Amino acid sequence: QVQLVESGGGLVQAGGSLRLSCAASGIIFGINAAGWYRQAPGKQRELVAAFTSTHTNYGDSVKGRFTISRDNAKNTVYLQMNSLKPEDTAVYYCNMRWSKDYWGQGTQVTVSS
């Protein structure tokens, strides 16, 4: 059974950095499609960054500040977040896709002003 476990969230001051990790277990194939999404209180879940075998996309609000990457040897996807802003505060969810979508449990990121 596929499981995704996120880590790396926490409290950081505005302008700081965090790196989120999403480790997958129970997978057979490599990671060809994955992404990070976030949901702030009272708001809909939104795309932060995602890649497929041919494209990488970023949400407009994070372009130039966040970078998604992967390490297939470790079955792990990362989200490097720099120049964090208070409006980046949200629960961040990892997503991976094979025959269907799989989601992690979420990790809280809080950016103080």
Protein backbone atom coordinates (compact mmCIF):
# COMPACT_ATOMS: atom_id res chain seq x y z
CA GLN A 1 0.00 0.00 0.00
CA VAL A 2 1.33 3.41 -0.97
CA GLN A 3 1.91 5.84 1.87
CA LEU A 4 3.22 9.38 1.72
CA VAL A 5 4.78 10.97 4.78
CA GLU A 6 5.55 14.68 4.84
CA SER A 7 8.02 16.41 7.10
CA GLY A 8 9.84 19.70 7.45
CA GLY A 9 7.04 22.05 8.33
CA GLY A 10 7.21 24.45 11.24
CA LEU A 11 7.29 28.07 12.33
CA VAL A 12 9.58 30.51 10.55
CA GLN A 13 9.92 34.27 10.36
CA ALA A 14 9.09 36.15 7.19
CA GLY A 15 12.02 36.05 4.79
CA GLY A 16 13.16 32.69 6.08
CA SER A 17 13.35 29.29 4.40
CA LEU A 18 12.01 25.80 4.93
CA ARG A 19 12.39 22.55 3.03
CA LEU A 20 9.51 20.12 2.99
CA SER A 21 10.04 16.43 2.27
CA CYS A 22 7.57 13.81 1.13
CA ALA A 23 8.75 10.22 1.38
CA ALA A 24 6.81 7.50 -0.42
CA SER A 25 6.70 3.89 0.68
CA GLY A 26 5.08 0.88 -0.91
CA ILE A 27 5.66 2.10 -4.46
CA ILE A 28 6.85 -0.07 -7.29
CA PHE A 29 7.56 2.48 -9.98
CA GLY A 30 9.56 5.70 -9.86
CA ILE A 31 8.03 9.09 -9.22
CA ASN A 32 6.96 10.63 -12.51
CA ALA A 33 4.15 12.89 -11.35
CA ALA A 34 4.00 14.63 -8.01
CA GLY A 35 3.19 17.95 -6.48
CA TRP A 36 2.67 20.09 -3.44
CA TYR A 37 -0.61 21.78 -2.60
CA ARG A 38 -1.61 23.98 0.29
CA GLN A 39 -4.74 24.97 2.11
CA ALA A 40 -5.07 27.98 4.35
CA PRO A 41 -7.96 28.36 6.81
CA GLY A 42 -11.15 29.29 5.02
CA LYS A 43 -9.59 28.86 1.58
CA GLN A 44 -9.61 26.19 -1.07
CA ARG A 45 -6.66 23.89 -1.60
CA GLU A 46 -4.37 25.36 -4.24
CA LEU A 47 -1.45 24.23 -6.34
CA VAL A 48 1.98 25.22 -5.09
CA ALA A 49 4.21 23.24 -7.43
CA ALA A 50 3.92 20.07 -9.46
CA PHE A 51 5.79 18.11 -12.10
CA THR A 52 5.11 15.41 -14.62
CA SER A 53 7.53 13.70 -16.95
CA THR A 54 7.34 16.70 -19.29
CA HIS A 55 6.33 19.79 -17.31
CA THR A 56 6.89 21.59 -14.05
CA ASN A 57 4.33 24.14 -12.88
CA TYR A 58 4.29 26.62 -10.05
CA GLY A 59 1.52 28.67 -8.55
CA ASP A 60 1.83 32.34 -9.47
CA SER A 61 2.31 33.40 -5.87
CA VAL A 62 5.38 31.19 -5.34
CA LYS A 63 7.20 31.51 -8.66
CA GLY A 64 10.82 32.45 -8.14
CA ARG A 65 10.69 31.58 -4.43
CA PHE A 66 9.82 27.86 -4.27
CA THR A 67 11.46 24.93 -6.03
CA ILE A 68 10.15 21.38 -6.35
CA SER A 69 12.58 18.52 -6.81
CA ARG A 70 12.78 14.76 -6.42
CA ASP A 71 15.20 12.03 -5.49
CA ASN A 72 14.05 8.79 -7.09
CA ALA A 73 16.67 6.79 -5.22
CA LYS A 74 15.01 7.85 -1.97
CA ASN A 75 11.42 7.91 -3.31
CA THR A 76 11.22 11.45 -1.99
CA VAL A 77 9.93 14.75 -3.32
CA TYR A 78 11.06 18.05 -1.87
CA LEU A 79 9.77 21.60 -1.77
CA GLN A 80 12.40 24.24 -1.08
CA MET A 81 10.69 27.40 0.11
CA ASN A 82 12.66 30.63 0.26
CA SER A 83 11.70 34.23 1.03
CA LEU A 84 8.67 33.02 2.92
CA LYS A 85 5.79 35.40 3.51
CA PRO A 86 3.00 35.36 6.09
CA GLU A 87 0.55 34.57 3.28
CA ASP A 88 2.40 31.28 2.72
CA THR A 89 0.98 30.06 6.02
CA ALA A 90 -1.05 26.92 5.34
CA VAL A 91 -1.13 23.16 5.63
CA TYR A 92 0.99 21.75 2.83
CA TYR A 93 0.03 18.44 1.24
CA CYS A 94 2.11 16.17 -0.91
CA ASN A 95 0.53 14.43 -3.89
CA MET A 96 1.84 11.63 -6.06
CA ARG A 97 0.11 10.03 -8.98
CA TRP A 98 0.33 6.60 -10.51
CA SER A 99 -2.90 4.84 -11.39
CA LYS A 100 -4.64 7.18 -8.95
CA ASP A 101 -3.83 10.10 -6.67
CA TYR A 102 -2.19 9.58 -3.31
CA TRP A 103 -1.99 12.25 -0.60
CA GLY A 104 0.05 12.77 2.49
CA GLN A 105 -1.39 13.79 5.82
CA GLY A 106 -0.23 17.39 5.55
CA THR A 107 2.36 19.45 7.36
CA GLN A 108 1.76 22.87 8.90
CA VAL A 109 3.84 25.82 7.75
CA THR A 110 3.45 29.04 9.72
CA VAL A 111 5.23 32.23 8.69
CA SER A 112 5.29 35.02 11.26
CA SER A 113 5.56 38.67 10.30
